[in-house]
Amino acid sequence: MQNLTNNILGVSALLSIAVVSAINPVSAAIKKEVSFESQGQVLVGDLYFPDSYKSGDRLPAVIVSGSWTSVKEQMPAGYAQKLADKGYAALAFDFRGWGESAQGSPVPLKYAENPQAKTQDILAAAEFLSAQANIRSEHIATLGICASAGYAIDAAHQSAIISSVAVVAPWLHDKAIVNEVYGENIPALLQATVNAEESGEALILEAASDTNEQSVMYKASYYTSPTRGAIVEYDNKFSTFSWKPWLSYDAIQTASLIKDPVLLVHSPAAAIPMGAERFAAQGGNNVELIMLDDITQFDFYDSPEVITEALSLVDAHFKISMR
């Protein structure tokens, strides 16, 4: 599995990465650490409020989730902080097996990119928010970035609590896109999960590196730059239990099923825009796709200007679509 960056993120031209100096844009949001359970395991999150928040206020809420392998302090925090500045309560949290959240049983979830499990965690986050006295339980939405776009959409489809969903720089793949991106490497990647299942123990890989060609994301600058995503909280690990659930996941099939309004914000210069286009085509009038010019995948993660532009669209969508 040499130089897996091209296998995972597609050819380097898909990303066309531009360096941004700040991890998160400046925000005056108030942050409160919270915890809640998913499938009996404790998840840890940060709940952001506007700096004008007063006791007794009831706010609309957004669950913010990030790219694969990410933790809450990376792009989820950047978007959650700015959503709080716009008047929302915004929750960024660590999925099971990642960051500060539960690392134990079931073992296959530790450092595993498991779409079904992560969708369950977003559903648990919605249940948690709906029970809070300072949250308007009828106004809860999800915002998924990159890989978690599919999880956010799936959670919205499955939940009666979530009333609207937006995704930014969505990595949405189906079988055809998986075959296009991963190609001849698919059998070896799936076998890595089979080996982990048979032995009961995964191989834990370095998620991102500028020097290790066997890392899952080789020379992916957002994840390797200390001024961007290579923060102390980042696990930078990837379990081989990930490959089967990830490669078999169809993030586009929900397009024709979901009843909640969906906004997709993407760019032709970012990763696999064909996935967003395919989702929008299958979703019909219920799905809106906005393509921004010349914005790369990693720019969507931490460029203050890009986050501001994307969230202006997301905010407008939530204001008219939240029940």
C-alpha atoms as a PDB file:
ATOM      1  CA  MET A   1       0.000   0.000   0.000  1.00  0.00           C
ATOM      2  CA  GLN A   2       2.652   2.443  -1.080  1.00  0.00           C
ATOM      3  CA  ASN A   3       1.884   6.170  -0.999  1.00  0.00           C
ATOM      4  CA  LEU A   4      -1.761   5.867   0.058  1.00  0.00           C
ATOM      5  CA  THR A   5      -2.439   9.570  -0.326  1.00  0.00           C
ATOM      6  CA  ASN A   6      -3.361   9.070  -3.947  1.00  0.00           C
ATOM      7  CA  ASN A   7      -5.573   6.137  -2.983  1.00  0.00           C
ATOM      8  CA  ILE A   8      -7.470   7.936  -0.252  1.00  0.00           C
ATOM      9  CA  LEU A   9      -7.803  11.515  -1.388  1.00  0.00           C
ATOM     10  CA  GLY A  10      -7.559  10.829  -5.107  1.00  0.00           C
ATOM     11  CA  VAL A  11      -4.817  12.318  -7.232  1.00  0.00           C
ATOM     12  CA  SER A  12      -3.075  15.283  -5.672  1.00  0.00           C
ATOM     13  CA  ALA A  13      -4.705  17.601  -8.179  1.00  0.00           C
ATOM     14  CA  LEU A  14      -8.036  16.956  -6.454  1.00  0.00           C
ATOM     15  CA  LEU A  15      -6.808  18.829  -3.422  1.00  0.00           C
ATOM     16  CA  SER A  16      -4.518  21.547  -4.853  1.00  0.00           C
ATOM     17  CA  ILE A  17      -3.654  22.432  -1.268  1.00  0.00           C
ATOM     18  CA  ALA A  18      -2.991  26.051  -0.269  1.00  0.00           C
ATOM     19  CA  VAL A  19      -1.396  26.806   3.121  1.00  0.00           C
ATOM     20  CA  VAL A  20      -3.340  28.890   5.654  1.00  0.00           C
ATOM     21  CA  SER A  21      -1.615  30.115   8.791  1.00  0.00           C
ATOM     22  CA  ALA A  22      -4.424  29.922  11.377  1.00  0.00           C
ATOM     23  CA  ILE A  23      -6.081  26.696  12.517  1.00  0.00           C
ATOM     24  CA  ASN A  24      -9.332  28.377  13.581  1.00  0.00           C
ATOM     25  CA  PRO A  25     -10.698  31.847  12.868  1.00  0.00           C
ATOM     26  CA  VAL A  26     -10.984  34.303  15.767  1.00  0.00           C
ATOM     27  CA  SER A  27     -14.241  33.931  17.674  1.00  0.00           C
ATOM     28  CA  ALA A  28     -15.820  35.365  20.801  1.00  0.00           C
ATOM     29  CA  ALA A  29     -17.904  32.245  21.414  1.00  0.00           C
ATOM     30  CA  ILE A  30     -18.367  30.823  24.892  1.00  0.00           C
ATOM     31  CA  LYS A  31     -17.268  27.177  25.177  1.00  0.00           C
ATOM     32  CA  LYS A  32     -18.641  24.622  27.615  1.00  0.00           C
ATOM     33  CA  GLU A  33     -17.310  21.061  27.867  1.00  0.00           C
ATOM     34  CA  VAL A  34     -20.089  18.474  27.781  1.00  0.00           C
ATOM     35  CA  SER A  35     -20.396  14.699  27.742  1.00  0.00           C
ATOM     36  CA  PHE A  36     -23.126  12.296  26.691  1.00  0.00           C
ATOM     37  CA  GLU A  37     -23.496   8.626  25.818  1.00  0.00           C
ATOM     38  CA  SER A  38     -23.675   6.790  22.515  1.00  0.00           C
ATOM     39  CA  GLN A  39     -24.356   3.060  22.593  1.00  0.00           C
ATOM     40  CA  GLY A  40     -23.401   3.057  26.287  1.00  0.00           C
ATOM     41  CA  GLN A  41     -20.061   4.806  25.768  1.00  0.00           C
ATOM     42  CA  VAL A  42     -19.162   8.334  26.825  1.00  0.00           C
ATOM     43  CA  LEU A  43     -18.530  10.977  24.170  1.00  0.00           C
ATOM     44  CA  VAL A  44     -16.818  14.264  25.016  1.00  0.00           C
ATOM     45  CA  GLY A  45     -17.694  17.482  23.249  1.00  0.00           C
ATOM     46  CA  ASP A  46     -17.483  21.261  23.294  1.00  0.00           C
ATOM     47  CA  LEU A  47     -20.754  23.192  23.152  1.00  0.00           C
ATOM     48  CA  TYR A  48     -20.308  26.754  21.890  1.00  0.00           C
ATOM     49  CA  PHE A  49     -22.680  29.646  22.662  1.00  0.00           C
ATOM     50  CA  PRO A  50     -22.778  33.239  21.423  1.00  0.00           C
ATOM     51  CA  ASP A  51     -20.924  35.678  23.673  1.00  0.00           C
ATOM     52  CA  SER A  52     -24.275  37.410  24.176  1.00  0.00           C
ATOM     53  CA  TYR A  53     -25.865  34.272  25.627  1.00  0.00           C
ATOM     54  CA  LYS A  54     -27.812  34.790  28.850  1.00  0.00           C
ATOM     55  CA  SER A  55     -29.263  32.253  31.258  1.00  0.00           C
ATOM     56  CA  GLY A  56     -32.753  31.366  30.142  1.00  0.00           C
ATOM     57  CA  ASP A  57     -32.069  31.848  26.432  1.00  0.00           C
ATOM     58  CA  ARG A  58     -33.168  28.986  24.180  1.00  0.00           C
ATOM     59  CA  LEU A  59     -31.138  28.689  20.990  1.00  0.00           C
ATOM     60  CA  PRO A  60     -31.296  26.744  17.754  1.00  0.00           C
ATOM     61  CA  ALA A  61     -28.496  24.156  17.698  1.00  0.00           C
ATOM     62  CA  VAL A  62     -26.148  22.646  15.136  1.00  0.00           C
ATOM     63  CA  ILE A  63     -24.128  19.434  15.459  1.00  0.00           C
ATOM     64  CA  VAL A  64     -20.792  19.951  13.682  1.00  0.00           C
ATOM     65  CA  SER A  65     -18.662  17.011  12.532  1.00  0.00           C
ATOM     66  CA  GLY A  66     -15.396  16.950  10.601  1.00  0.00           C
ATOM     67  CA  SER A  67     -13.263  15.036   8.142  1.00  0.00           C
ATOM     68  CA  TRP A  68     -12.217  11.417   8.602  1.00  0.00           C
ATOM     69  CA  THR A  69      -9.722  10.827  11.440  1.00  0.00           C
ATOM     70  CA  SER A  70     -10.399  14.350  12.766  1.00  0.00           C
ATOM     71  CA  VAL A  71     -11.015  15.456  16.341  1.00  0.00           C
ATOM     72  CA  LYS A  72     -13.292  18.195  17.631  1.00  0.00           C
ATOM     73  CA  GLU A  73     -10.513  20.793  17.997  1.00  0.00           C
ATOM     74  CA  GLN A  74      -9.776  20.782  14.255  1.00  0.00           C
ATOM     75  CA  MET A  75     -12.268  21.986  11.620  1.00  0.00           C
ATOM     76  CA  PRO A  76     -15.340  21.208  13.775  1.00  0.00           C
ATOM     77  CA  ALA A  77     -14.202  23.819  16.307  1.00  0.00           C
ATOM     78  CA  GLY A  78     -13.614  26.435  13.618  1.00  0.00           C
ATOM     79  CA  TYR A  79     -17.103  26.036  12.203  1.00  0.00           C
ATOM     80  CA  ALA A  80     -18.807  25.636  15.598  1.00  0.00           C
ATOM     81  CA  GLN A  81     -17.241  28.824  16.930  1.00  0.00           C
ATOM     82  CA  LYS A  82     -18.408  30.857  13.952  1.00  0.00           C
ATOM     83  CA  LEU A  83     -21.891  29.336  14.106  1.00  0.00           C
ATOM     84  CA  ALA A  84     -22.066  30.461  17.740  1.00  0.00           C
ATOM     85  CA  ASP A  85     -21.115  33.952  16.596  1.00  0.00           C
ATOM     86  CA  LYS A  86     -24.199  33.796  14.350  1.00  0.00           C
ATOM     87  CA  GLY A  87     -26.504  32.980  17.252  1.00  0.00           C
ATOM     88  CA  TYR A  88     -26.528  29.186  17.360  1.00  0.00           C
ATOM     89  CA  ALA A  89     -25.509  26.731  20.021  1.00  0.00           C
ATOM     90  CA  ALA A  90     -22.987  24.553  18.182  1.00  0.00           C
ATOM     91  CA  LEU A  91     -21.715  21.173  19.324  1.00  0.00           C
ATOM     92  CA  ALA A  92     -18.368  19.737  18.217  1.00  0.00           C
ATOM     93  CA  PHE A  93     -17.533  16.345  19.715  1.00  0.00           C
ATOM     94  CA  ASP A  94     -15.158  13.403  19.422  1.00  0.00           C
ATOM     95  CA  PHE A  95     -16.588  10.219  17.935  1.00  0.00           C
ATOM     96  CA  ARG A  96     -16.183   6.916  19.748  1.00  0.00           C
ATOM     97  CA  GLY A  97     -12.603   5.757  19.453  1.00  0.00           C
ATOM     98  CA  TRP A  98     -11.214   9.236  18.788  1.00  0.00           C
ATOM     99  CA  GLY A  99      -9.882  12.155  20.818  1.00  0.00           C
ATOM    100  CA  GLU A 100     -11.227  12.368  24.353  1.00  0.00           C
ATOM    101  CA  SER A 101     -14.185  10.064  23.795  1.00  0.00           C
ATOM    102  CA  ALA A 102     -14.419   6.423  24.845  1.00  0.00           C
ATOM    103  CA  GLN A 103     -11.543   4.327  23.543  1.00  0.00           C
ATOM    104  CA  GLY A 104     -12.669   0.939  24.819  1.00  0.00           C
ATOM    105  CA  SER A 105     -15.169  -1.712  23.765  1.00  0.00           C
ATOM    106  CA  PRO A 106     -15.905  -2.482  21.048  1.00  0.00           C
ATOM    107  CA  VAL A 107     -12.224  -2.554  20.108  1.00  0.00           C
ATOM    108  CA  PRO A 108     -12.920  -2.261  16.338  1.00  0.00           C
ATOM    109  CA  LEU A 109     -14.027   1.370  16.853  1.00  0.00           C
ATOM    110  CA  LYS A 110     -10.682   2.588  18.197  1.00  0.00           C
ATOM    111  CA  TYR A 111      -9.223   4.872  15.498  1.00  0.00           C
ATOM    112  CA  ALA A 112     -11.701   3.346  13.035  1.00  0.00           C
ATOM    113  CA  GLU A 113     -13.473   5.287  10.319  1.00  0.00           C
ATOM    114  CA  ASN A 114     -16.787   3.513  10.666  1.00  0.00           C
ATOM    115  CA  PRO A 115     -19.662   5.386   8.960  1.00  0.00           C
ATOM    116  CA  GLN A 116     -22.426   3.470  10.733  1.00  0.00           C
ATOM    117  CA  ALA A 117     -20.927   4.003  14.189  1.00  0.00           C
ATOM    118  CA  LYS A 118     -20.249   7.675  13.547  1.00  0.00           C
ATOM    119  CA  THR A 119     -23.816   8.161  12.332  1.00  0.00           C
ATOM    120  CA  GLN A 120     -25.018   6.601  15.607  1.00  0.00           C
ATOM    121  CA  ASP A 121     -22.876   9.106  17.502  1.00  0.00           C
ATOM    122  CA  ILE A 122     -24.451  12.062  15.657  1.00  0.00           C
ATOM    123  CA  LEU A 123     -27.880  10.653  16.495  1.00  0.00           C
ATOM    124  CA  ALA A 124     -26.808  10.484  20.152  1.00  0.00           C
ATOM    125  CA  ALA A 125     -25.642  14.095  19.953  1.00  0.00           C
ATOM    126  CA  ALA A 126     -29.082  15.108  18.649  1.00  0.00           C
ATOM    127  CA  GLU A 127     -30.769  13.288  21.539  1.00  0.00           C
ATOM    128  CA  PHE A 128     -28.450  15.018  23.986  1.00  0.00           C
ATOM    129  CA  LEU A 129     -29.124  18.491  22.592  1.00  0.00           C
ATOM    130  CA  SER A 130     -32.879  17.975  22.446  1.00  0.00           C
ATOM    131  CA  ALA A 131     -32.907  17.309  26.207  1.00  0.00           C
ATOM    132  CA  GLN A 132     -31.131  20.561  27.105  1.00  0.00           C
ATOM    133  CA  ALA A 133     -33.281  23.350  28.539  1.00  0.00           C
ATOM    134  CA  ASN A 134     -31.315  26.033  26.676  1.00  0.00           C
ATOM    135  CA  ILE A 135     -31.790  24.380  23.252  1.00  0.00           C
ATOM    136  CA  ARG A 136     -34.837  24.797  21.044  1.00  0.00           C
ATOM    137  CA  SER A 137     -35.425  21.096  20.494  1.00  0.00           C
ATOM    138  CA  GLU A 138     -37.521  21.758  17.399  1.00  0.00           C
ATOM    139  CA  HIS A 139     -34.591  23.614  15.787  1.00  0.00           C
ATOM    140  CA  ILE A 140     -31.670  21.176  15.619  1.00  0.00           C
ATOM    141  CA  ALA A 141     -29.546  20.735  12.493  1.00  0.00           C
ATOM    142  CA  THR A 142     -26.395  18.929  11.410  1.00  0.00           C
ATOM    143  CA  LEU A 143     -23.361  20.313   9.594  1.00  0.00           C
ATOM    144  CA  GLY A 144     -20.957  17.727   8.181  1.00  0.00           C
ATOM    145  CA  ILE A 145     -17.562  18.548   6.705  1.00  0.00           C
ATOM    146  CA  CYS A 146     -15.756  16.249   4.257  1.00  0.00           C
ATOM    147  CA  ALA A 147     -16.213  12.550   5.168  1.00  0.00           C
ATOM    148  CA  SER A 148     -18.770  13.206   7.883  1.00  0.00           C
ATOM    149  CA  ALA A 149     -21.067  14.869   5.338  1.00  0.00           C
ATOM    150  CA  GLY A 150     -22.566  11.459   4.615  1.00  0.00           C
ATOM    151  CA  TYR A 151     -22.905  10.669   8.303  1.00  0.00           C
ATOM    152  CA  ALA A 152     -24.636  14.002   8.975  1.00  0.00           C
ATOM    153  CA  ILE A 153     -27.079  13.404   6.129  1.00  0.00           C
ATOM    154  CA  ASP A 154     -27.757   9.815   7.206  1.00  0.00           C
ATOM    155  CA  ALA A 155     -28.374  10.956  10.787  1.00  0.00           C
ATOM    156  CA  ALA A 156     -30.820  13.599   9.601  1.00  0.00           C
ATOM    157  CA  HIS A 157     -32.645  10.974   7.557  1.00  0.00           C
ATOM    158  CA  GLN A 158     -32.895   8.627  10.545  1.00  0.00           C
ATOM    159  CA  SER A 159     -33.764  11.192  13.221  1.00  0.00           C
ATOM    160  CA  ALA A 160     -37.080  12.870  13.946  1.00  0.00           C
ATOM    161  CA  ILE A 161     -35.147  15.431  15.987  1.00  0.00           C
ATOM    162  CA  ILE A 162     -32.928  16.798  13.207  1.00  0.00           C
ATOM    163  CA  SER A 163     -34.825  19.120  10.885  1.00  0.00           C
ATOM    164  CA  SER A 164     -32.170  20.430   8.495  1.00  0.00           C
ATOM    165  CA  VAL A 165     -28.734  19.480   7.223  1.00  0.00           C
ATOM    166  CA  ALA A 166     -25.862  21.236   5.479  1.00  0.00           C
ATOM    167  CA  VAL A 167     -22.540  19.846   4.332  1.00  0.00           C
ATOM    168  CA  VAL A 168     -19.329  21.615   3.356  1.00  0.00           C
ATOM    169  CA  ALA A 169     -16.648  20.156   1.081  1.00  0.00           C
ATOM    170  CA  PRO A 170     -18.563  16.860   1.194  1.00  0.00           C
ATOM    171  CA  TRP A 171     -16.741  13.616   0.468  1.00  0.00           C
ATOM    172  CA  LEU A 172     -19.728  11.634  -0.800  1.00  0.00           C
ATOM    173  CA  HIS A 173     -18.884   8.377  -2.517  1.00  0.00           C
ATOM    174  CA  ASP A 174     -20.743   5.387  -3.874  1.00  0.00           C
ATOM    175  CA  LYS A 175     -19.369   2.161  -5.296  1.00  0.00           C
ATOM    176  CA  ALA A 176     -18.484   3.729  -8.633  1.00  0.00           C
ATOM    177  CA  ILE A 177     -16.547   6.589  -7.015  1.00  0.00           C
ATOM    178  CA  VAL A 178     -14.792   4.186  -4.624  1.00  0.00           C
ATOM    179  CA  ASN A 179     -13.662   2.155  -7.613  1.00  0.00           C
ATOM    180  CA  GLU A 180     -12.453   5.298  -9.380  1.00  0.00           C
ATOM    181  CA  VAL A 181     -10.517   6.668  -6.397  1.00  0.00           C
ATOM    182  CA  TYR A 182      -9.086   3.485  -4.852  1.00  0.00           C
ATOM    183  CA  GLY A 183      -8.909   1.309  -7.943  1.00  0.00           C
ATOM    184  CA  GLU A 184      -6.593  -1.662  -7.841  1.00  0.00           C
ATOM    185  CA  ASN A 185      -5.807  -1.111  -4.158  1.00  0.00           C
ATOM    186  CA  ILE A 186      -9.299  -2.128  -3.021  1.00  0.00           C
ATOM    187  CA  PRO A 187      -8.625  -5.891  -2.609  1.00  0.00           C
ATOM    188  CA  ALA A 188      -5.545  -5.257  -0.461  1.00  0.00           C
ATOM    189  CA  LEU A 189      -7.337  -2.690   1.689  1.00  0.00           C
ATOM    190  CA  LEU A 190     -10.318  -4.973   2.254  1.00  0.00           C
ATOM    191  CA  GLN A 191      -7.963  -7.832   3.087  1.00  0.00           C
ATOM    192  CA  ALA A 192      -6.383  -5.661   5.776  1.00  0.00           C
ATOM    193  CA  THR A 193      -9.773  -5.489   7.500  1.00  0.00           C
ATOM    194  CA  VAL A 194     -10.316  -9.238   7.055  1.00  0.00           C
ATOM    195  CA  ASN A 195      -6.929  -9.853   8.709  1.00  0.00           C
ATOM    196  CA  ALA A 196      -7.927  -7.592  11.608  1.00  0.00           C
ATOM    197  CA  GLU A 197     -11.259  -9.379  12.009  1.00  0.00           C
ATOM    198  CA  GLU A 198      -9.637 -12.811  11.985  1.00  0.00           C
ATOM    199  CA  SER A 199      -6.955 -11.882  14.493  1.00  0.00           C
ATOM    200  CA  GLY A 200      -9.162  -9.605  16.589  1.00  0.00           C
ATOM    201  CA  GLU A 201      -6.450  -6.980  16.466  1.00  0.00           C
ATOM    202  CA  ALA A 202      -6.087  -4.141  13.983  1.00  0.00           C
ATOM    203  CA  LEU A 203      -2.925  -2.759  12.512  1.00  0.00           C
ATOM    204  CA  ILE A 204      -2.785   0.870  13.663  1.00  0.00           C
ATOM    205  CA  LEU A 205      -1.308   3.032  10.934  1.00  0.00           C
ATOM    206  CA  GLU A 206       0.028   6.574  11.042  1.00  0.00           C
ATOM    207  CA  ALA A 207      -2.805   8.630   9.595  1.00  0.00           C
ATOM    208  CA  ALA A 208      -0.730  11.457   8.106  1.00  0.00           C
ATOM    209  CA  SER A 209       2.955  12.050   7.524  1.00  0.00           C
ATOM    210  CA  ASP A 210       5.331  14.035   5.357  1.00  0.00           C
ATOM    211  CA  THR A 211       8.023  11.365   5.689  1.00  0.00           C
ATOM    212  CA  ASN A 212       6.297   7.993   6.104  1.00  0.00           C
ATOM    213  CA  GLU A 213       5.127   6.781   2.698  1.00  0.00           C
ATOM    214  CA  GLN A 214       3.123   4.024   4.397  1.00  0.00           C
ATOM    215  CA  SER A 215       0.931   6.556   6.188  1.00  0.00           C
ATOM    216  CA  VAL A 216      -2.691   6.708   5.096  1.00  0.00           C
ATOM    217  CA  MET A 217      -2.362  10.354   4.027  1.00  0.00           C
ATOM    218  CA  TYR A 218       1.142  10.979   2.722  1.00  0.00           C
ATOM    219  CA  LYS A 219       2.035  14.650   2.344  1.00  0.00           C
ATOM    220  CA  ALA A 220      -1.464  15.876   3.173  1.00  0.00           C
ATOM    221  CA  SER A 221      -0.414  19.267   4.511  1.00  0.00           C
ATOM    222  CA  TYR A 222      -3.455  20.128   6.627  1.00  0.00           C
ATOM    223  CA  TYR A 223      -2.869  17.077   8.815  1.00  0.00           C
ATOM    224  CA  THR A 224       0.903  17.439   9.047  1.00  0.00           C
ATOM    225  CA  SER A 225       1.302  21.188   9.609  1.00  0.00           C
ATOM    226  CA  PRO A 226       1.379  22.304  13.276  1.00  0.00           C
ATOM    227  CA  THR A 227      -0.214  25.610  12.243  1.00  0.00           C
ATOM    228  CA  ARG A 228      -3.134  23.743  10.721  1.00  0.00           C
ATOM    229  CA  GLY A 229      -4.392  20.296  11.733  1.00  0.00           C
ATOM    230  CA  ALA A 230      -1.321  18.715  13.376  1.00  0.00           C
ATOM    231  CA  ILE A 231      -2.390  19.865  16.821  1.00  0.00           C
ATOM    232  CA  VAL A 232      -1.629  18.026  20.049  1.00  0.00           C
ATOM    233  CA  GLU A 233      -5.212  16.743  20.302  1.00  0.00           C
ATOM    234  CA  TYR A 234      -5.047  14.984  16.916  1.00  0.00           C
ATOM    235  CA  ASP A 235      -4.705  11.208  17.293  1.00  0.00           C
ATOM    236  CA  ASN A 236      -3.017  10.832  13.894  1.00  0.00           C
ATOM    237  CA  LYS A 237      -3.877   7.138  13.842  1.00  0.00           C
ATOM    238  CA  PHE A 238      -5.941   4.924  11.565  1.00  0.00           C
ATOM    239  CA  SER A 239      -7.137   1.384  12.237  1.00  0.00           C
ATOM    240  CA  THR A 240      -7.284  -1.239   9.516  1.00  0.00           C
ATOM    241  CA  PHE A 241     -10.752  -2.049  10.866  1.00  0.00           C
ATOM    242  CA  SER A 242     -11.723   1.053   8.858  1.00  0.00           C
ATOM    243  CA  TRP A 243     -11.337  -0.198   5.312  1.00  0.00           C
ATOM    244  CA  LYS A 244     -14.329  -2.517   4.928  1.00  0.00           C
ATOM    245  CA  PRO A 245     -16.964  -0.158   6.411  1.00  0.00           C
ATOM    246  CA  TRP A 246     -15.451   2.844   4.639  1.00  0.00           C
ATOM    247  CA  LEU A 247     -15.096   1.298   1.186  1.00  0.00           C
ATOM    248  CA  SER A 248     -18.513  -0.374   1.310  1.00  0.00           C
ATOM    249  CA  TYR A 249     -20.257   2.811   2.456  1.00  0.00           C
ATOM    250  CA  ASP A 250     -22.642   4.468   0.003  1.00  0.00           C
ATOM    251  CA  ALA A 251     -23.099   8.102   1.058  1.00  0.00           C
ATOM    252  CA  ILE A 252     -25.198   8.964  -1.988  1.00  0.00           C
ATOM    253  CA  GLN A 253     -28.046   6.462  -1.574  1.00  0.00           C
ATOM    254  CA  THR A 254     -29.748   8.664   1.036  1.00  0.00           C
ATOM    255  CA  ALA A 255     -30.224  11.474  -1.523  1.00  0.00           C
ATOM    256  CA  SER A 256     -33.514  10.132  -2.824  1.00  0.00           C
ATOM    257  CA  LEU A 257     -34.773   9.209   0.663  1.00  0.00           C
ATOM    258  CA  ILE A 258     -34.116  12.151   2.966  1.00  0.00           C
ATOM    259  CA  LYS A 259     -37.053  14.490   3.574  1.00  0.00           C
ATOM    260  CA  ASP A 260     -35.170  17.259   5.384  1.00  0.00           C
ATOM    261  CA  PRO A 261     -33.774  20.124   3.270  1.00  0.00           C
ATOM    262  CA  VAL A 262     -30.125  19.564   2.341  1.00  0.00           C
ATOM    263  CA  LEU A 263     -27.533  22.162   1.343  1.00  0.00           C
ATOM    264  CA  LEU A 264     -24.230  21.109  -0.220  1.00  0.00           C
ATOM    265  CA  VAL A 265     -21.406  23.666  -0.446  1.00  0.00           C
ATOM    266  CA  HIS A 266     -18.494  22.481  -2.550  1.00  0.00           C
ATOM    267  CA  SER A 267     -16.033  23.537  -5.244  1.00  0.00           C
ATOM    268  CA  PRO A 268     -14.770  22.010  -8.478  1.00  0.00           C
ATOM    269  CA  ALA A 269     -11.250  22.513  -7.057  1.00  0.00           C
ATOM    270  CA  ALA A 270     -11.985  20.378  -3.973  1.00  0.00           C
ATOM    271  CA  ALA A 271     -12.107  16.586  -3.562  1.00  0.00           C
ATOM    272  CA  ILE A 272     -14.508  14.425  -5.623  1.00  0.00           C
ATOM    273  CA  PRO A 273     -17.031  17.123  -6.630  1.00  0.00           C
ATOM    274  CA  MET A 274     -18.741  14.449  -8.742  1.00  0.00           C
ATOM    275  CA  GLY A 275     -20.073  12.925  -5.522  1.00  0.00           C
ATOM    276  CA  ALA A 276     -21.852  16.143  -4.565  1.00  0.00           C
ATOM    277  CA  GLU A 277     -23.154  16.539  -8.107  1.00  0.00           C
ATOM    278  CA  ARG A 278     -24.478  12.983  -8.123  1.00  0.00           C
ATOM    279  CA  PHE A 279     -26.132  13.474  -4.727  1.00  0.00           C
ATOM    280  CA  ALA A 280     -27.813  16.696  -5.885  1.00  0.00           C
ATOM    281  CA  ALA A 281     -29.061  15.082  -9.085  1.00  0.00           C
ATOM    282  CA  GLN A 282     -30.624  12.202  -7.174  1.00  0.00           C
ATOM    283  CA  GLY A 283     -32.030  14.437  -4.423  1.00  0.00           C
ATOM    284  CA  GLY A 284     -34.033  16.628  -6.757  1.00  0.00           C
ATOM    285  CA  ASN A 285     -35.740  19.754  -5.414  1.00  0.00           C
ATOM    286  CA  ASN A 286     -35.008  18.796  -1.808  1.00  0.00           C
ATOM    287  CA  VAL A 287     -31.263  19.284  -2.318  1.00  0.00           C
ATOM    288  CA  GLU A 288     -29.424  22.496  -3.184  1.00  0.00           C
ATOM    289  CA  LEU A 289     -25.829  22.390  -4.443  1.00  0.00           C
ATOM    290  CA  ILE A 290     -23.743  25.561  -4.438  1.00  0.00           C
ATOM    291  CA  MET A 291     -20.348  25.360  -6.107  1.00  0.00           C
ATOM    292  CA  LEU A 292     -17.798  27.989  -5.093  1.00  0.00           C
ATOM    293  CA  ASP A 293     -14.935  28.818  -7.424  1.00  0.00           C
ATOM    294  CA  ASP A 294     -11.301  27.842  -6.833  1.00  0.00           C
ATOM    295  CA  ILE A 295     -11.540  26.624  -3.239  1.00  0.00           C
ATOM    296  CA  THR A 296      -9.503  23.563  -2.327  1.00  0.00           C
ATOM    297  CA  GLN A 297     -10.514  20.840   0.111  1.00  0.00           C
ATOM    298  CA  PHE A 298      -8.193  21.976   2.853  1.00  0.00           C
ATOM    299  CA  ASP A 299      -9.142  25.649   2.358  1.00  0.00           C
ATOM    300  CA  PHE A 300     -12.642  24.622   3.420  1.00  0.00           C
ATOM    301  CA  TYR A 301     -11.159  23.228   6.636  1.00  0.00           C
ATOM    302  CA  ASP A 302      -9.424  26.279   8.065  1.00  0.00           C
ATOM    303  CA  SER A 303      -9.311  29.350   5.819  1.00  0.00           C
ATOM    304  CA  PRO A 304     -11.148  32.095   7.753  1.00  0.00           C
ATOM    305  CA  GLU A 305     -12.379  33.683   4.542  1.00  0.00           C
ATOM    306  CA  VAL A 306     -13.675  30.383   3.154  1.00  0.00           C
ATOM    307  CA  ILE A 307     -15.356  29.415   6.437  1.00  0.00           C
ATOM    308  CA  THR A 308     -17.054  32.811   6.514  1.00  0.00           C
ATOM    309  CA  GLU A 309     -18.293  32.407   2.944  1.00  0.00           C
ATOM    310  CA  ALA A 310     -19.486  28.842   3.458  1.00  0.00           C
ATOM    311  CA  LEU A 311     -21.244  29.651   6.731  1.00  0.00           C
ATOM    312  CA  SER A 312     -23.072  32.615   5.243  1.00  0.00           C
ATOM    313  CA  LEU A 313     -24.724  30.103   2.902  1.00  0.00           C
ATOM    314  CA  VAL A 314     -25.270  27.556   5.670  1.00  0.00           C
ATOM    315  CA  ASP A 315     -26.789  30.158   7.991  1.00  0.00           C
ATOM    316  CA  ALA A 316     -29.237  31.299   5.303  1.00  0.00           C
ATOM    317  CA  HIS A 317     -30.210  27.675   4.666  1.00  0.00           C
ATOM    318  CA  PHE A 318     -30.806  26.909   8.355  1.00  0.00           C
ATOM    319  CA  LYS A 319     -32.846  30.076   8.907  1.00  0.00           C
ATOM    320  CA  ILE A 320     -35.410  29.045   6.306  1.00  0.00           C
ATOM    321  CA  SER A 321     -35.320  25.253   6.732  1.00  0.00           C
ATOM    322  CA  MET A 322     -35.236  24.527  10.461  1.00  0.00           C
ATOM    323  CA  ARG A 323     -38.715  23.512  11.589  1.00  0.00           C
END
